[in-house]
Amino acid sequence: MVVDLQNADARKNYLSEKLDDLMDGINDSYGTVLMDELILQLERTVSKFNEEVQTLMGQLKDNSDRRDGLLEKIKSGVFEENTDDTPQPISDKKEMSAWELKLEEMEKK
């Protein structure tokens, strides 16, 4: 039997047939044990995946909350906080770029 390994469907069919042949040979004595182990491994995989997704979602939420807080500080005119929790205003002209200075001048007019 010639198998066209370049074709995805042909590969799937070939592997499926081979797996069926293997399972037929061991199904009588080990079939239930193998199936139970397969189910156990799948449950562990899904559980671990769910834990990782929950961790990632928590990190995304924390990052989003932190960004929202920084955005509010920027909107209110406070850029960063010192270690002694006193806000520093953005109005320091030295740190403003030429473009920002030009925008500020335009807003005043």
PDB file of N, CA and C in Angstrom:
ATOM      1  N   MET A   1       0.847  -1.187   0.000  1.00  0.00           N
ATOM      2  CA  MET A   1       0.000   0.000   0.000  1.00  0.00           C
ATOM      3  C   MET A   1       0.887   1.242   0.000  1.00  0.00           C
ATOM      4  N   VAL A   2       0.655   2.106  -0.968  1.00  0.00           N
ATOM      5  CA  VAL A   2       1.424   3.331  -1.086  1.00  0.00           C
ATOM      6  C   VAL A   2       0.644   4.457  -0.409  1.00  0.00           C
ATOM      7  N   VAL A   3       1.321   5.187   0.468  1.00  0.00           N
ATOM      8  CA  VAL A   3       0.695   6.287   1.201  1.00  0.00           C
ATOM      9  C   VAL A   3       1.300   7.597   0.726  1.00  0.00           C
ATOM     10  N   ASP A   4       0.436   8.510   0.343  1.00  0.00           N
ATOM     11  CA  ASP A   4       0.881   9.831  -0.080  1.00  0.00           C
ATOM     12  C   ASP A   4       1.059  10.694   1.172  1.00  0.00           C
ATOM     13  N   LEU A   5       2.306  10.824   1.644  1.00  0.00           N
ATOM     14  CA  LEU A   5       2.569  11.570   2.865  1.00  0.00           C
ATOM     15  C   LEU A   5       2.538  13.082   2.649  1.00  0.00           C
ATOM     16  N   GLN A   6       2.399  13.518   1.418  1.00  0.00           N
ATOM     17  CA  GLN A   6       2.311  14.942   1.122  1.00  0.00           C
ATOM     18  C   GLN A   6       0.897  15.473   1.359  1.00  0.00           C
ATOM     19  N   ASN A   7      -0.075  14.576   1.359  1.00  0.00           N
ATOM     20  CA  ASN A   7      -1.478  14.941   1.531  1.00  0.00           C
ATOM     21  C   ASN A   7      -1.854  14.793   3.007  1.00  0.00           C
ATOM     22  N   ALA A   8      -2.411  15.842   3.597  1.00  0.00           N
ATOM     23  CA  ALA A   8      -2.760  15.826   5.017  1.00  0.00           C
ATOM     24  C   ALA A   8      -3.824  14.774   5.329  1.00  0.00           C
ATOM     25  N   ASP A   9      -4.824  14.661   4.474  1.00  0.00           N
ATOM     26  CA  ASP A   9      -5.886  13.673   4.718  1.00  0.00           C
ATOM     27  C   ASP A   9      -5.336  12.249   4.634  1.00  0.00           C
ATOM     28  N   ALA A  10      -4.454  12.014   3.686  1.00  0.00           N
ATOM     29  CA  ALA A  10      -3.864  10.687   3.543  1.00  0.00           C
ATOM     30  C   ALA A  10      -3.030  10.335   4.770  1.00  0.00           C
ATOM     31  N   ARG A  11      -2.284  11.302   5.296  1.00  0.00           N
ATOM     32  CA  ARG A  11      -1.491  11.065   6.510  1.00  0.00           C
ATOM     33  C   ARG A  11      -2.393  10.739   7.686  1.00  0.00           C
ATOM     34  N   LYS A  12      -3.482  11.512   7.844  1.00  0.00           N
ATOM     35  CA  LYS A  12      -4.412  11.269   8.942  1.00  0.00           C
ATOM     36  C   LYS A  12      -5.026   9.881   8.847  1.00  0.00           C
ATOM     37  N   ASN A  13      -5.457   9.514   7.647  1.00  0.00           N
ATOM     38  CA  ASN A  13      -6.056   8.192   7.468  1.00  0.00           C
ATOM     39  C   ASN A  13      -5.059   7.086   7.769  1.00  0.00           C
ATOM     40  N   TYR A  14      -3.826   7.250   7.318  1.00  0.00           N
ATOM     41  CA  TYR A  14      -2.794   6.239   7.548  1.00  0.00           C
ATOM     42  C   TYR A  14      -2.529   6.074   9.043  1.00  0.00           C
ATOM     43  N   LEU A  15      -2.358   7.200   9.747  1.00  0.00           N
ATOM     44  CA  LEU A  15      -2.105   7.134  11.187  1.00  0.00           C
ATOM     45  C   LEU A  15      -3.305   6.569  11.935  1.00  0.00           C
ATOM     46  N   SER A  16      -4.490   6.938  11.501  1.00  0.00           N
ATOM     47  CA  SER A  16      -5.697   6.417  12.144  1.00  0.00           C
ATOM     48  C   SER A  16      -5.797   4.899  11.987  1.00  0.00           C
ATOM     49  N   GLU A  17      -5.500   4.403  10.792  1.00  0.00           N
ATOM     50  CA  GLU A  17      -5.528   2.955  10.558  1.00  0.00           C
ATOM     51  C   GLU A  17      -4.493   2.237  11.415  1.00  0.00           C
ATOM     52  N   LYS A  18      -3.291   2.787  11.478  1.00  0.00           N
ATOM     53  CA  LYS A  18      -2.227   2.169  12.277  1.00  0.00           C
ATOM     54  C   LYS A  18      -2.581   2.169  13.757  1.00  0.00           C
ATOM     55  N   LEU A  19      -3.157   3.269  14.235  1.00  0.00           N
ATOM     56  CA  LEU A  19      -3.560   3.336  15.639  1.00  0.00           C
ATOM     57  C   LEU A  19      -4.675   2.339  15.932  1.00  0.00           C
ATOM     58  N   ASP A  20      -5.620   2.221  15.016  1.00  0.00           N
ATOM     59  CA  ASP A  20      -6.685   1.233  15.189  1.00  0.00           C
ATOM     60  C   ASP A  20      -6.120  -0.183  15.255  1.00  0.00           C
ATOM     61  N   ASP A  21      -5.145  -0.487  14.377  1.00  0.00           N
ATOM     62  CA  ASP A  21      -4.513  -1.807  14.393  1.00  0.00           C
ATOM     63  C   ASP A  21      -3.816  -2.069  15.722  1.00  0.00           C
ATOM     64  N   LEU A  22      -3.121  -1.075  16.235  1.00  0.00           N
ATOM     65  CA  LEU A  22      -2.430  -1.228  17.520  1.00  0.00           C
ATOM     66  C   LEU A  22      -3.423  -1.420  18.657  1.00  0.00           C
ATOM     67  N   MET A  23      -4.482  -0.638  18.642  1.00  0.00           N
ATOM     68  CA  MET A  23      -5.480  -0.740  19.710  1.00  0.00           C
ATOM     69  C   MET A  23      -6.212  -2.074  19.662  1.00  0.00           C
ATOM     70  N   ASP A  24      -6.445  -2.609  18.463  1.00  0.00           N
ATOM     71  CA  ASP A  24      -7.090  -3.920  18.358  1.00  0.00           C
ATOM     72  C   ASP A  24      -6.234  -4.998  19.000  1.00  0.00           C
ATOM     73  N   GLY A  25      -4.927  -4.896  18.833  1.00  0.00           N
ATOM     74  CA  GLY A  25      -4.017  -5.901  19.377  1.00  0.00           C
ATOM     75  C   GLY A  25      -3.916  -5.867  20.889  1.00  0.00           C
ATOM     76  N   ILE A  26      -4.025  -4.699  21.477  1.00  0.00           N
ATOM     77  CA  ILE A  26      -3.857  -4.600  22.932  1.00  0.00           C
ATOM     78  C   ILE A  26      -5.158  -4.291  23.660  1.00  0.00           C
ATOM     79  N   ASN A  27      -6.221  -4.124  22.933  1.00  0.00           N
ATOM     80  CA  ASN A  27      -7.484  -3.705  23.519  1.00  0.00           C
ATOM     81  C   ASN A  27      -8.026  -4.691  24.546  1.00  0.00           C
ATOM     82  N   ASP A  28      -7.897  -5.971  24.292  1.00  0.00           N
ATOM     83  CA  ASP A  28      -8.481  -6.960  25.185  1.00  0.00           C
ATOM     84  C   ASP A  28      -7.875  -6.909  26.585  1.00  0.00           C
ATOM     85  N   SER A  29      -6.565  -6.795  26.680  1.00  0.00           N
ATOM     86  CA  SER A  29      -5.944  -6.866  27.995  1.00  0.00           C
ATOM     87  C   SER A  29      -5.613  -5.500  28.589  1.00  0.00           C
ATOM     88  N   TYR A  30      -5.299  -4.515  27.757  1.00  0.00           N
ATOM     89  CA  TYR A  30      -4.860  -3.226  28.282  1.00  0.00           C
ATOM     90  C   TYR A  30      -5.748  -2.055  27.874  1.00  0.00           C
ATOM     91  N   GLY A  31      -6.774  -2.297  27.122  1.00  0.00           N
ATOM     92  CA  GLY A  31      -7.599  -1.211  26.583  1.00  0.00           C
ATOM     93  C   GLY A  31      -8.164  -0.285  27.639  1.00  0.00           C
ATOM     94  N   THR A  32      -8.767  -0.847  28.678  1.00  0.00           N
ATOM     95  CA  THR A  32      -9.370   0.005  29.710  1.00  0.00           C
ATOM     96  C   THR A  32      -8.303   0.740  30.516  1.00  0.00           C
ATOM     97  N   VAL A  33      -7.178   0.078  30.764  1.00  0.00           N
ATOM     98  CA  VAL A  33      -6.100   0.725  31.516  1.00  0.00           C
ATOM     99  C   VAL A  33      -5.536   1.899  30.715  1.00  0.00           C
ATOM    100  N   LEU A  34      -5.314   1.673  29.428  1.00  0.00           N
ATOM    101  CA  LEU A  34      -4.803   2.746  28.577  1.00  0.00           C
ATOM    102  C   LEU A  34      -5.802   3.890  28.470  1.00  0.00           C
ATOM    103  N   MET A  35      -7.055   3.560  28.319  1.00  0.00           N
ATOM    104  CA  MET A  35      -8.077   4.594  28.208  1.00  0.00           C
ATOM    105  C   MET A  35      -8.183   5.393  29.502  1.00  0.00           C
ATOM    106  N   ASP A  36      -8.130   4.711  30.660  1.00  0.00           N
ATOM    107  CA  ASP A  36      -8.164   5.412  31.943  1.00  0.00           C
ATOM    108  C   ASP A  36      -6.969   6.341  32.096  1.00  0.00           C
ATOM    109  N   GLU A  37      -5.789   5.876  31.695  1.00  0.00           N
ATOM    110  CA  GLU A  37      -4.588   6.702  31.775  1.00  0.00           C
ATOM    111  C   GLU A  37      -4.689   7.897  30.827  1.00  0.00           C
ATOM    112  N   LEU A  38      -5.215   7.662  29.644  1.00  0.00           N
ATOM    113  CA  LEU A  38      -5.396   8.748  28.681  1.00  0.00           C
ATOM    114  C   LEU A  38      -6.333   9.812  29.243  1.00  0.00           C
ATOM    115  N   ILE A  39      -7.430   9.390  29.827  1.00  0.00           N
ATOM    116  CA  ILE A  39      -8.393  10.325  30.410  1.00  0.00           C
ATOM    117  C   ILE A  39      -7.757  11.094  31.564  1.00  0.00           C
ATOM    118  N   LEU A  40      -6.991  10.395  32.408  1.00  0.00           N
ATOM    119  CA  LEU A  40      -6.313  11.048  33.526  1.00  0.00           C
ATOM    120  C   LEU A  40      -5.330  12.107  33.028  1.00  0.00           C
ATOM    121  N   GLN A  41      -4.556  11.768  32.002  1.00  0.00           N
ATOM    122  CA  GLN A  41      -3.596  12.720  31.440  1.00  0.00           C
ATOM    123  C   GLN A  41      -4.306  13.925  30.819  1.00  0.00           C
ATOM    124  N   LEU A  42      -5.405  13.683  30.138  1.00  0.00           N
ATOM    125  CA  LEU A  42      -6.171  14.785  29.551  1.00  0.00           C
ATOM    126  C   LEU A  42      -6.738  15.706  30.631  1.00  0.00           C
ATOM    127  N   GLU A  43      -7.237  15.117  31.717  1.00  0.00           N
ATOM    128  CA  GLU A  43      -7.773  15.922  32.814  1.00  0.00           C
ATOM    129  C   GLU A  43      -6.675  16.776  33.442  1.00  0.00           C
ATOM    130  N   ARG A  44      -5.486  16.205  33.616  1.00  0.00           N
ATOM    131  CA  ARG A  44      -4.357  16.969  34.167  1.00  0.00           C
ATOM    132  C   ARG A  44      -3.964  18.107  33.227  1.00  0.00           C
ATOM    133  N   THR A  45      -3.939  17.808  31.943  1.00  0.00           N
ATOM    134  CA  THR A  45      -3.563  18.828  30.967  1.00  0.00           C
ATOM    135  C   THR A  45      -4.556  19.984  30.975  1.00  0.00           C
ATOM    136  N   VAL A  46      -5.838  19.668  30.977  1.00  0.00           N
ATOM    137  CA  VAL A  46      -6.874  20.699  30.990  1.00  0.00           C
ATOM    138  C   VAL A  46      -6.807  21.502  32.285  1.00  0.00           C
ATOM    139  N   SER A  47      -6.593  20.820  33.411  1.00  0.00           N
ATOM    140  CA  SER A  47      -6.505  21.507  34.694  1.00  0.00           C
ATOM    141  C   SER A  47      -5.320  22.467  34.728  1.00  0.00           C
ATOM    142  N   LYS A  48      -4.170  22.002  34.253  1.00  0.00           N
ATOM    143  CA  LYS A  48      -2.991  22.867  34.226  1.00  0.00           C
ATOM    144  C   LYS A  48      -3.207  24.052  33.292  1.00  0.00           C
ATOM    145  N   PHE A  49      -3.813  23.800  32.148  1.00  0.00           N
ATOM    146  CA  PHE A  49      -4.113  24.872  31.204  1.00  0.00           C
ATOM    147  C   PHE A  49      -5.025  25.913  31.850  1.00  0.00           C
ATOM    148  N   ASN A  50      -6.063  25.457  32.556  1.00  0.00           N
ATOM    149  CA  ASN A  50      -6.986  26.389  33.214  1.00  0.00           C
ATOM    150  C   ASN A  50      -6.261  27.233  34.260  1.00  0.00           C
ATOM    151  N   GLU A  51      -5.357  26.604  35.029  1.00  0.00           N
ATOM    152  CA  GLU A  51      -4.590  27.343  36.028  1.00  0.00           C
ATOM    153  C   GLU A  51      -3.722  28.411  35.365  1.00  0.00           C
ATOM    154  N   GLU A  52      -3.064  28.049  34.270  1.00  0.00           N
ATOM    155  CA  GLU A  52      -2.205  29.001  33.573  1.00  0.00           C
ATOM    156  C   GLU A  52      -3.018  30.153  32.988  1.00  0.00           C
ATOM    157  N   VAL A  53      -4.191  29.845  32.443  1.00  0.00           N
ATOM    158  CA  VAL A  53      -5.050  30.896  31.882  1.00  0.00           C
ATOM    159  C   VAL A  53      -5.522  31.826  32.997  1.00  0.00           C
ATOM    160  N   GLN A  54      -5.891  31.276  34.147  1.00  0.00           N
ATOM    161  CA  GLN A  54      -6.332  32.114  35.264  1.00  0.00           C
ATOM    162  C   GLN A  54      -5.198  33.016  35.747  1.00  0.00           C
ATOM    163  N   THR A  55      -3.986  32.479  35.804  1.00  0.00           N
ATOM    164  CA  THR A  55      -2.829  33.281  36.202  1.00  0.00           C
ATOM    165  C   THR A  55      -2.597  34.410  35.214  1.00  0.00           C
ATOM    166  N   LEU A  56      -2.637  34.077  33.919  1.00  0.00           N
ATOM    167  CA  LEU A  56      -2.441  35.106  32.892  1.00  0.00           C
ATOM    168  C   LEU A  56      -3.522  36.173  32.941  1.00  0.00           C
ATOM    169  N   MET A  57      -4.758  35.747  33.141  1.00  0.00           N
ATOM    170  CA  MET A  57      -5.851  36.719  33.205  1.00  0.00           C
ATOM    171  C   MET A  57      -5.689  37.635  34.418  1.00  0.00           C
ATOM    172  N   GLY A  58      -5.246  37.081  35.529  1.00  0.00           N
ATOM    173  CA  GLY A  58      -4.983  37.899  36.713  1.00  0.00           C
ATOM    174  C   GLY A  58      -3.884  38.916  36.455  1.00  0.00           C
ATOM    175  N   GLN A  59      -2.824  38.477  35.777  1.00  0.00           N
ATOM    176  CA  GLN A  59      -1.738  39.394  35.441  1.00  0.00           C
ATOM    177  C   GLN A  59      -2.211  40.481  34.483  1.00  0.00           C
ATOM    178  N   LEU A  60      -3.037  40.110  33.511  1.00  0.00           N
ATOM    179  CA  LEU A  60      -3.585  41.103  32.580  1.00  0.00           C
ATOM    180  C   LEU A  60      -4.434  42.138  33.315  1.00  0.00           C
ATOM    181  N   LYS A  61      -5.249  41.667  34.268  1.00  0.00           N
ATOM    182  CA  LYS A  61      -6.094  42.579  35.028  1.00  0.00           C
ATOM    183  C   LYS A  61      -5.241  43.514  35.872  1.00  0.00           C
ATOM    184  N   ASP A  62      -4.208  42.981  36.523  1.00  0.00           N
ATOM    185  CA  ASP A  62      -3.312  43.825  37.321  1.00  0.00           C
ATOM    186  C   ASP A  62      -2.630  44.876  36.453  1.00  0.00           C
ATOM    187  N   ASN A  63      -2.148  44.462  35.291  1.00  0.00           N
ATOM    188  CA  ASN A  63      -1.502  45.404  34.379  1.00  0.00           C
ATOM    189  C   ASN A  63      -2.483  46.471  33.896  1.00  0.00           C
ATOM    190  N   SER A  64      -3.701  46.062  33.603  1.00  0.00           N
ATOM    191  CA  SER A  64      -4.719  47.012  33.155  1.00  0.00           C
ATOM    192  C   SER A  64      -5.045  48.015  34.255  1.00  0.00           C
ATOM    193  N   ASP A  65      -5.195  47.523  35.484  1.00  0.00           N
ATOM    194  CA  ASP A  65      -5.471  48.418  36.607  1.00  0.00           C
ATOM    195  C   ASP A  65      -4.321  49.399  36.810  1.00  0.00           C
ATOM    196  N   ARG A  66      -3.086  48.905  36.698  1.00  0.00           N
ATOM    197  CA  ARG A  66      -1.922  49.765  36.872  1.00  0.00           C
ATOM    198  C   ARG A  66      -1.878  50.838  35.767  1.00  0.00           C
ATOM    199  N   ARG A  67      -2.165  50.429  34.527  1.00  0.00           N
ATOM    200  CA  ARG A  67      -2.193  51.393  33.420  1.00  0.00           C
ATOM    201  C   ARG A  67      -3.289  52.435  33.620  1.00  0.00           C
ATOM    202  N   ASP A  68      -4.468  51.977  34.070  1.00  0.00           N
ATOM    203  CA  ASP A  68      -5.562  52.923  34.313  1.00  0.00           C
ATOM    204  C   ASP A  68      -5.171  53.934  35.387  1.00  0.00           C
ATOM    205  N   GLY A  69      -4.495  53.470  36.433  1.00  0.00           N
ATOM    206  CA  GLY A  69      -4.041  54.372  37.490  1.00  0.00           C
ATOM    207  C   GLY A  69      -3.036  55.377  36.978  1.00  0.00           C
ATOM    208  N   LEU A  70      -2.104  54.916  36.163  1.00  0.00           N
ATOM    209  CA  LEU A  70      -1.119  55.834  35.588  1.00  0.00           C
ATOM    210  C   LEU A  70      -1.782  56.840  34.658  1.00  0.00           C
ATOM    211  N   LEU A  71      -2.747  56.393  33.882  1.00  0.00           N
ATOM    212  CA  LEU A  71      -3.465  57.294  32.983  1.00  0.00           C
ATOM    213  C   LEU A  71      -4.203  58.370  33.768  1.00  0.00           C
ATOM    214  N   GLU A  72      -4.831  57.983  34.861  1.00  0.00           N
ATOM    215  CA  GLU A  72      -5.526  58.961  35.706  1.00  0.00           C
ATOM    216  C   GLU A  72      -4.547  59.967  36.295  1.00  0.00           C
ATOM    217  N   LYS A  73      -3.366  59.497  36.695  1.00  0.00           N
ATOM    218  CA  LYS A  73      -2.359  60.414  37.233  1.00  0.00           C
ATOM    219  C   LYS A  73      -1.903  61.394  36.163  1.00  0.00           C
ATOM    220  N   ILE A  74      -1.716  60.894  34.953  1.00  0.00           N
ATOM    221  CA  ILE A  74      -1.287  61.762  33.861  1.00  0.00           C
ATOM    222  C   ILE A  74      -2.368  62.785  33.552  1.00  0.00           C
ATOM    223  N   LYS A  75      -3.622  62.350  33.515  1.00  0.00           N
ATOM    224  CA  LYS A  75      -4.730  63.268  33.230  1.00  0.00           C
ATOM    225  C   LYS A  75      -4.878  64.333  34.308  1.00  0.00           C
ATOM    226  N   SER A  76      -4.600  63.965  35.547  1.00  0.00           N
ATOM    227  CA  SER A  76      -4.769  64.922  36.639  1.00  0.00           C
ATOM    228  C   SER A  76      -3.555  65.828  36.807  1.00  0.00           C
ATOM    229  N   GLY A  77      -2.503  65.610  35.993  1.00  0.00           N
ATOM    230  CA  GLY A  77      -1.332  66.475  36.064  1.00  0.00           C
ATOM    231  C   GLY A  77      -0.249  65.943  36.969  1.00  0.00           C
ATOM    232  N   VAL A  78      -0.435  64.768  37.489  1.00  0.00           N
ATOM    233  CA  VAL A  78       0.574  64.147  38.341  1.00  0.00           C
ATOM    234  C   VAL A  78       1.190  63.009  37.560  1.00  0.00           C
ATOM    235  N   PHE A  79       2.496  63.029  37.409  1.00  0.00           N
ATOM    236  CA  PHE A  79       3.157  62.019  36.579  1.00  0.00           C
ATOM    237  C   PHE A  79       3.625  60.830  37.381  1.00  0.00           C
ATOM    238  N   GLU A  80       4.425  61.048  38.406  1.00  0.00           N
ATOM    239  CA  GLU A  80       4.961  59.963  39.226  1.00  0.00           C
ATOM    240  C   GLU A  80       4.854  60.348  40.687  1.00  0.00           C
ATOM    241  N   GLU A  81       5.008  59.353  41.531  1.00  0.00           N
ATOM    242  CA  GLU A  81       5.045  59.619  42.956  1.00  0.00           C
ATOM    243  C   GLU A  81       6.448  59.358  43.457  1.00  0.00           C
ATOM    244  N   ASN A  82       6.901  60.203  44.397  1.00  0.00           N
ATOM    245  CA  ASN A  82       8.185  59.973  45.042  1.00  0.00           C
ATOM    246  C   ASN A  82       8.057  58.804  45.990  1.00  0.00           C
ATOM    247  N   THR A  83       9.154  58.437  46.579  1.00  0.00           N
ATOM    248  CA  THR A  83       9.100  57.366  47.574  1.00  0.00           C
ATOM    249  C   THR A  83       8.377  57.831  48.820  1.00  0.00           C
ATOM    250  N   ASP A  84       8.325  59.152  49.069  1.00  0.00           N
ATOM    251  CA  ASP A  84       7.598  59.648  50.234  1.00  0.00           C
ATOM    252  C   ASP A  84       6.145  59.981  49.907  1.00  0.00           C
ATOM    253  N   ASP A  85       5.645  59.488  48.779  1.00  0.00           N
ATOM    254  CA  ASP A  85       4.248  59.611  48.358  1.00  0.00           C
ATOM    255  C   ASP A  85       3.795  61.044  48.087  1.00  0.00           C
ATOM    256  N   THR A  86       4.704  61.940  47.749  1.00  0.00           N
ATOM    257  CA  THR A  86       4.290  63.268  47.338  1.00  0.00           C
ATOM    258  C   THR A  86       4.321  63.339  45.821  1.00  0.00           C
ATOM    259  N   PRO A  87       3.234  63.747  45.204  1.00  0.00           N
ATOM    260  CA  PRO A  87       3.182  63.754  43.742  1.00  0.00           C
ATOM    261  C   PRO A  87       4.115  64.801  43.138  1.00  0.00           C
ATOM    262  N   GLN A  88       4.636  64.480  41.967  1.00  0.00           N
ATOM    263  CA  GLN A  88       5.471  65.413  41.216  1.00  0.00           C
ATOM    264  C   GLN A  88       4.682  65.899  40.014  1.00  0.00           C
ATOM    265  N   PRO A  89       4.505  67.204  39.849  1.00  0.00           N
ATOM    266  CA  PRO A  89       3.771  67.700  38.681  1.00  0.00           C
ATOM    267  C   PRO A  89       4.582  67.551  37.410  1.00  0.00           C
ATOM    268  N   ILE A  90       3.873  67.505  36.290  1.00  0.00           N
ATOM    269  CA  ILE A  90       4.508  67.364  34.986  1.00  0.00           C
ATOM    270  C   ILE A  90       5.023  68.713  34.494  1.00  0.00           C
ATOM    271  N   SER A  91       4.618  69.777  35.082  1.00  0.00           N
ATOM    272  CA  SER A  91       4.848  71.105  34.530  1.00  0.00           C
ATOM    273  C   SER A  91       6.312  71.524  34.444  1.00  0.00           C
ATOM    274  N   ASP A  92       7.245  70.669  34.658  1.00  0.00           N
ATOM    275  CA  ASP A  92       8.665  70.982  34.559  1.00  0.00           C
ATOM    276  C   ASP A  92       9.015  71.218  33.095  1.00  0.00           C
ATOM    277  N   LYS A  93       9.302  72.458  32.722  1.00  0.00           N
ATOM    278  CA  LYS A  93       9.513  72.819  31.325  1.00  0.00           C
ATOM    279  C   LYS A  93      10.777  72.189  30.744  1.00  0.00           C
ATOM    280  N   LYS A  94      11.764  71.884  31.573  1.00  0.00           N
ATOM    281  CA  LYS A  94      12.995  71.281  31.074  1.00  0.00           C
ATOM    282  C   LYS A  94      12.731  69.908  30.459  1.00  0.00           C
ATOM    283  N   GLU A  95      11.799  69.182  31.035  1.00  0.00           N
ATOM    284  CA  GLU A  95      11.541  67.827  30.588  1.00  0.00           C
ATOM    285  C   GLU A  95      10.565  67.763  29.412  1.00  0.00           C
ATOM    286  N   MET A  96       9.960  68.880  29.064  1.00  0.00           N
ATOM    287  CA  MET A  96       9.007  68.892  27.963  1.00  0.00           C
ATOM    288  C   MET A  96       9.763  69.000  26.643  1.00  0.00           C
ATOM    289  N   SER A  97       9.319  68.246  25.673  1.00  0.00           N
ATOM    290  CA  SER A  97       9.946  68.311  24.358  1.00  0.00           C
ATOM    291  C   SER A  97       9.511  69.585  23.643  1.00  0.00           C
ATOM    292  N   ALA A  98      10.193  69.880  22.558  1.00  0.00           N
ATOM    293  CA  ALA A  98       9.857  71.076  21.783  1.00  0.00           C
ATOM    294  C   ALA A  98       8.423  71.002  21.274  1.00  0.00           C
ATOM    295  N   TRP A  99       8.013  69.822  20.880  1.00  0.00           N
ATOM    296  CA  TRP A  99       6.651  69.621  20.387  1.00  0.00           C
ATOM    297  C   TRP A  99       5.636  69.896  21.483  1.00  0.00           C
ATOM    298  N   GLU A 100       5.905  69.424  22.701  1.00  0.00           N
ATOM    299  CA  GLU A 100       4.995  69.655  23.822  1.00  0.00           C
ATOM    300  C   GLU A 100       4.933  71.138  24.181  1.00  0.00           C
ATOM    301  N   LEU A 101       6.082  71.808  24.133  1.00  0.00           N
ATOM    302  CA  LEU A 101       6.097  73.246  24.405  1.00  0.00           C
ATOM    303  C   LEU A 101       5.273  74.001  23.374  1.00  0.00           C
ATOM    304  N   LYS A 102       5.398  73.607  22.098  1.00  0.00           N
ATOM    305  CA  LYS A 102       4.646  74.257  21.037  1.00  0.00           C
ATOM    306  C   LYS A 102       3.143  74.049  21.231  1.00  0.00           C
ATOM    307  N   LEU A 103       2.745  72.831  21.608  1.00  0.00           N
ATOM    308  CA  LEU A 103       1.327  72.558  21.880  1.00  0.00           C
ATOM    309  C   LEU A 103       0.816  73.396  23.041  1.00  0.00           C
ATOM    310  N   GLU A 104       1.626  73.540  24.058  1.00  0.00           N
ATOM    311  CA  GLU A 104       1.220  74.329  25.217  1.00  0.00           C
ATOM    312  C   GLU A 104       1.023  75.791  24.824  1.00  0.00           C
ATOM    313  N   GLU A 105       1.923  76.311  23.975  1.00  0.00           N
ATOM    314  CA  GLU A 105       1.785  77.682  23.504  1.00  0.00           C
ATOM    315  C   GLU A 105       0.510  77.853  22.683  1.00  0.00           C
ATOM    316  N   MET A 106       0.192  76.861  21.855  1.00  0.00           N
ATOM    317  CA  MET A 106      -1.013  76.919  21.031  1.00  0.00           C
ATOM    318  C   MET A 106      -2.262  76.909  21.900  1.00  0.00           C
ATOM    319  N   GLU A 107      -2.246  76.142  22.996  1.00  0.00           N
ATOM    320  CA  GLU A 107      -3.406  76.067  23.887  1.00  0.00           C
ATOM    321  C   GLU A 107      -3.630  77.392  24.593  1.00  0.00           C
ATOM    322  N   LYS A 108      -2.552  78.104  24.885  1.00  0.00           N
ATOM    323  CA  LYS A 108      -2.672  79.395  25.590  1.00  0.00           C
ATOM    324  C   LYS A 108      -3.306  80.455  24.701  1.00  0.00           C
ATOM    325  N   LYS A 109      -3.105  80.340  23.380  1.00  0.00           N
ATOM    326  CA  LYS A 109      -3.646  81.346  22.435  1.00  0.00           C
ATOM    327  C   LYS A 109      -5.078  81.160  22.198  1.00  0.00           C
TER     328      LYS A 109
END
